[in-house]
C-alpha cells in the first residue's frame, strides 16, 4: 500500500486498516449513491478527514449508481453524515474540496488540476444561478449553494484544459444522440452475450 492506492468506498475499514491508510498516504474515494443503492453502508468520512486521509468523491459505475452526477454525490456526501455526526459534520466547503482537489490528489495530479490557479490547466464548470431552485441567493455561501441547491441541469459550460467540452448546454466533443444510441446498442449486445436477453 502506498500513495498510489485509491480505495473506492472504504465503508468497513477497521482501526488497523485505517491506521495503515493514514500512514501510507492512500486515498479514499467516497461513493455515497452507490453505497446507498447497494445498502453497503456509510463510509466514516468525517473521521477519515479528521485523521488526515485524502478523500475524493466518486460515483462508482453506472450499474450501481445510474446517474453518475457529481452534484447528487456532493449533496448526498454532505447529508448522509449528519444524522450520526450532527448538522455541521460535513461542511459544504469540505464536500467541494473532495469533489475537486480531493480527486486531483487521489490521481496524483494536484499540481496540474483541481483548482483555479495560475499554471494549472483551465478546467472550469459554469453553472446557471438563475434557476428558481437556487433562489434566493441572499448573499449566501456559494459552496452551500453548489452542494445543496444546484443540479447537473444547471451546468451551462464545461471547459477542460482550456477547451470547451460543453458549451451553452450542448456537448461539443461528440454527438449526444449518437452516444445514447451507441450505449443502448452496447447494452443489448452485452445482455445477448450474457444470454439474458
Protein backbone atom coordinates (compact mmCIF):
# COMPACT_ATOMS: atom_id res chain seq x y z
CA UNK A 1 0.00 0.00 0.00
CA UNK A 2 1.24 3.50 -0.87
CA UNK A 3 0.10 6.93 -2.04
CA UNK A 4 -0.84 5.49 -5.44
CA UNK A 5 -3.67 3.42 -3.94
CA UNK A 6 -7.19 4.83 -4.30
CA UNK A 7 -9.77 2.77 -2.43
CA UNK A 8 -13.36 3.02 -3.60
CA UNK A 9 -15.94 3.10 -0.80
CA UNK A 10 -13.80 2.21 2.27
CA UNK A 11 -17.00 1.64 4.22
CA UNK A 12 -15.86 -1.08 6.60
CA UNK A 13 -12.19 -0.44 7.39
CA UNK A 14 -11.20 -1.44 10.92
CA UNK A 15 -8.88 0.67 13.09
CA UNK A 16 -5.75 -1.16 11.94
CA UNK A 17 -6.66 -0.69 8.29
CA UNK A 18 -7.47 2.97 8.86
CA UNK A 19 -4.11 3.46 10.52
CA UNK A 20 -2.39 1.79 7.57
CA UNK A 21 -4.23 4.05 5.09
CA UNK A 22 -3.24 7.10 7.11
CA UNK A 23 0.42 6.10 7.45
CA UNK A 24 0.87 5.05 3.83
CA UNK A 25 -0.92 8.05 2.32
CA UNK A 26 -3.53 6.04 0.42
CA UNK A 27 -6.71 7.77 -0.72
CA UNK A 28 -10.40 7.04 -0.21
CA UNK A 29 -12.97 7.61 -2.97
CA UNK A 30 -16.35 8.16 -1.34
CA UNK A 31 -19.31 6.96 -3.49
CA UNK A 32 -22.43 7.78 -1.44
CA UNK A 33 -25.12 7.00 -4.07
CA UNK A 34 -23.64 3.59 -4.78
CA UNK A 35 -23.29 2.81 -1.06
CA UNK A 36 -26.93 3.72 -0.50
CA UNK A 37 -28.26 1.89 -3.57
CA UNK A 38 -26.38 -1.30 -2.69
CA UNK A 39 -27.04 -0.92 1.05
CA UNK A 40 -23.34 -1.42 1.70
CA UNK A 41 -23.13 1.13 4.50
CA UNK A 42 -21.94 4.68 5.01
CA UNK A 43 -18.23 5.42 4.98
CA UNK A 44 -17.00 7.32 8.06
CA UNK A 45 -15.85 10.30 6.02
CA UNK A 46 -15.68 12.88 8.84
CA UNK A 47 -13.33 10.51 10.66
CA UNK A 48 -11.13 9.99 7.62
CA UNK A 49 -10.85 13.73 7.07
CA UNK A 50 -10.09 14.36 10.74
CA UNK A 51 -7.33 11.73 10.52
CA UNK A 52 -5.77 13.48 7.53
CA UNK A 53 -6.81 10.92 4.91
CA UNK A 54 -7.40 12.43 1.47
CA UNK A 55 -10.98 11.77 0.36
CA UNK A 56 -12.14 12.11 -3.23
CA UNK A 57 -15.73 11.98 -4.40
CA UNK A 58 -16.87 9.39 -6.93
CA UNK A 59 -19.94 7.71 -8.33
CA UNK A 60 -18.76 4.10 -8.83
CA UNK A 61 -20.11 2.58 -12.05
CA UNK A 62 -23.41 3.09 -13.81
CA UNK A 63 -24.97 -0.25 -12.70
CA UNK A 64 -24.70 0.69 -9.03
CA UNK A 65 -25.35 4.41 -9.36
CA UNK A 66 -27.23 5.14 -12.60
CA UNK A 67 -26.86 8.92 -12.60
CA UNK A 68 -23.07 9.46 -12.40
CA UNK A 69 -23.87 13.01 -11.30
CA UNK A 70 -21.33 14.85 -9.16
CA UNK A 71 -23.99 17.26 -7.87
CA UNK A 72 -26.01 14.35 -6.49
CA UNK A 73 -22.85 12.87 -4.96
CA UNK A 74 -21.91 16.18 -3.32
CA UNK A 75 -25.39 16.64 -1.83
CA UNK A 76 -25.54 13.09 -0.51
CA UNK A 77 -21.99 13.25 0.85
CA UNK A 78 -23.00 16.33 2.82
CA UNK A 79 -26.31 14.95 4.07
CA UNK A 80 -25.74 11.30 4.99
CA UNK A 81 -23.24 12.03 7.75
CA UNK A 82 -25.48 14.49 9.60
CA UNK A 83 -27.86 12.07 11.39
CA UNK A 84 -24.91 10.34 13.06
CA UNK A 85 -22.42 13.20 13.44
CA UNK A 86 -24.55 16.35 13.66
CA UNK A 87 -25.58 19.16 11.32
CA UNK A 88 -22.04 20.52 10.93
CA UNK A 89 -20.39 17.16 10.23
CA UNK A 90 -19.72 17.80 6.54
CA UNK A 91 -19.38 21.49 5.70
CA UNK A 92 -20.19 22.30 2.08
CA UNK A 93 -16.65 23.62 1.50
CA UNK A 94 -15.21 20.25 2.59
CA UNK A 95 -17.51 18.46 0.15
CA UNK A 96 -16.50 20.74 -2.75
CA UNK A 97 -12.87 20.11 -1.76
CA UNK A 98 -13.45 16.34 -2.04
CA UNK A 99 -15.04 16.80 -5.48
CA UNK A 100 -12.15 18.95 -6.76
CA UNK A 101 -8.77 18.85 -5.04
CA UNK A 102 -9.52 15.56 -3.28
CA UNK A 103 -9.90 13.90 -6.67
CA UNK A 104 -6.85 15.66 -8.08
CA UNK A 105 -4.72 14.46 -5.15
CA UNK A 106 -6.03 10.90 -5.49
CA UNK A 107 -4.97 10.91 -9.14
CA UNK A 108 -1.58 12.38 -8.30
CA UNK A 109 -2.42 15.39 -10.46
CA UNK A 110 -2.93 18.07 -7.82
CA UNK A 111 -0.10 20.17 -9.30
CA UNK A 112 -1.98 20.31 -12.63
CA UNK A 113 -5.72 20.21 -11.87
CA UNK A 114 -8.32 20.53 -9.13
CA UNK A 115 -8.27 24.27 -8.53
CA UNK A 116 -8.22 27.52 -10.46
CA UNK A 117 -4.63 28.69 -10.14
CA UNK A 118 -2.01 30.23 -12.39
CA UNK A 119 -0.06 27.45 -14.06
CA UNK A 120 -2.78 24.80 -13.74
CA UNK A 121 -4.90 23.50 -16.58
CA UNK A 122 -8.01 25.55 -17.20
CA UNK A 123 -10.74 23.15 -16.03
CA UNK A 124 -13.91 25.12 -15.37
CA UNK A 125 -17.58 24.30 -14.88
CA UNK A 126 -20.01 27.20 -15.35
CA UNK A 127 -23.38 26.91 -13.61
CA UNK A 128 -26.55 28.92 -14.13
CA UNK A 129 -27.52 30.58 -10.85
CA UNK A 130 -30.84 31.94 -12.16
CA UNK A 131 -33.00 28.81 -11.73
CA UNK A 132 -35.82 29.02 -9.19
CA UNK A 133 -34.49 26.07 -7.19
CA UNK A 134 -31.35 28.11 -6.46
CA UNK A 135 -33.16 31.30 -5.45
CA UNK A 136 -32.97 33.40 -3.41
CA UNK A 137 -29.21 33.81 -3.06
CA UNK A 138 -29.46 36.49 -0.38
CA UNK A 139 -25.69 36.70 -0.06
CA UNK A 140 -25.46 33.05 0.88
CA UNK A 141 -22.41 30.81 0.83
CA UNK A 142 -21.60 29.81 -2.79
CA UNK A 143 -20.23 26.46 -1.61
CA UNK A 144 -23.52 25.66 0.15
CA UNK A 145 -25.36 26.73 -2.98
CA UNK A 146 -23.30 24.35 -5.12
CA UNK A 147 -23.71 21.42 -2.74
CA UNK A 148 -27.34 21.78 -1.65
CA UNK A 149 -29.13 23.71 -4.42
CA UNK A 150 -27.55 23.06 -7.79
CA UNK A 151 -28.04 20.03 -10.02
CA UNK A 152 -26.47 18.75 -13.22
CA UNK A 153 -29.02 20.53 -15.41
CA UNK A 154 -27.65 23.84 -14.10
CA UNK A 155 -24.34 23.27 -15.91
CA UNK A 156 -24.06 25.69 -18.81
CA UNK A 157 -20.49 25.06 -19.95
CA UNK A 158 -17.59 22.75 -19.17
CA UNK A 159 -14.05 23.67 -20.14
CA UNK A 160 -11.29 21.05 -19.87
CA UNK A 161 -7.67 22.14 -20.31
CA UNK A 162 -8.93 25.38 -21.84
CA UNK A 163 -11.17 23.70 -24.44
CA UNK A 164 -14.97 23.65 -24.40
CA UNK A 165 -16.46 20.18 -23.89
CA UNK A 166 -19.96 21.52 -23.19
CA UNK A 167 -20.94 24.96 -24.47
CA UNK A 168 -24.32 26.56 -23.83
CA UNK A 169 -25.62 23.21 -22.55
CA UNK A 170 -24.59 21.35 -25.72
CA UNK A 171 -21.94 18.66 -25.87
CA UNK A 172 -19.41 19.82 -28.47
CA UNK A 173 -16.97 16.88 -28.45
CA UNK A 174 -19.48 14.22 -29.55
CA UNK A 175 -23.00 13.79 -30.87
CA UNK A 176 -25.25 13.26 -27.82
CA UNK A 177 -27.85 11.29 -29.74
CA UNK A 178 -25.17 9.01 -31.18
CA UNK A 179 -23.62 8.45 -27.74
CA UNK A 180 -27.04 7.42 -26.38
CA UNK A 181 -27.70 5.15 -29.37
CA UNK A 182 -24.27 3.51 -29.06
CA UNK A 183 -24.80 2.95 -25.33
CA UNK A 184 -28.15 1.28 -25.97
CA UNK A 185 -26.67 -0.94 -28.69
CA UNK A 186 -23.87 -2.00 -26.32
CA UNK A 187 -26.41 -2.76 -23.57
CA UNK A 188 -28.38 -5.01 -25.90
CA UNK A 189 -25.19 -6.74 -27.11
CA UNK A 190 -23.98 -7.29 -23.54
CA UNK A 191 -27.25 -8.87 -22.49
CA UNK A 192 -27.18 -11.10 -25.56
CA UNK A 193 -23.62 -12.27 -24.80
CA UNK A 194 -24.67 -12.98 -21.23
CA UNK A 195 -27.72 -14.81 -22.58
CA UNK A 196 -30.03 -12.56 -20.59
CA UNK A 197 -31.99 -11.04 -23.46
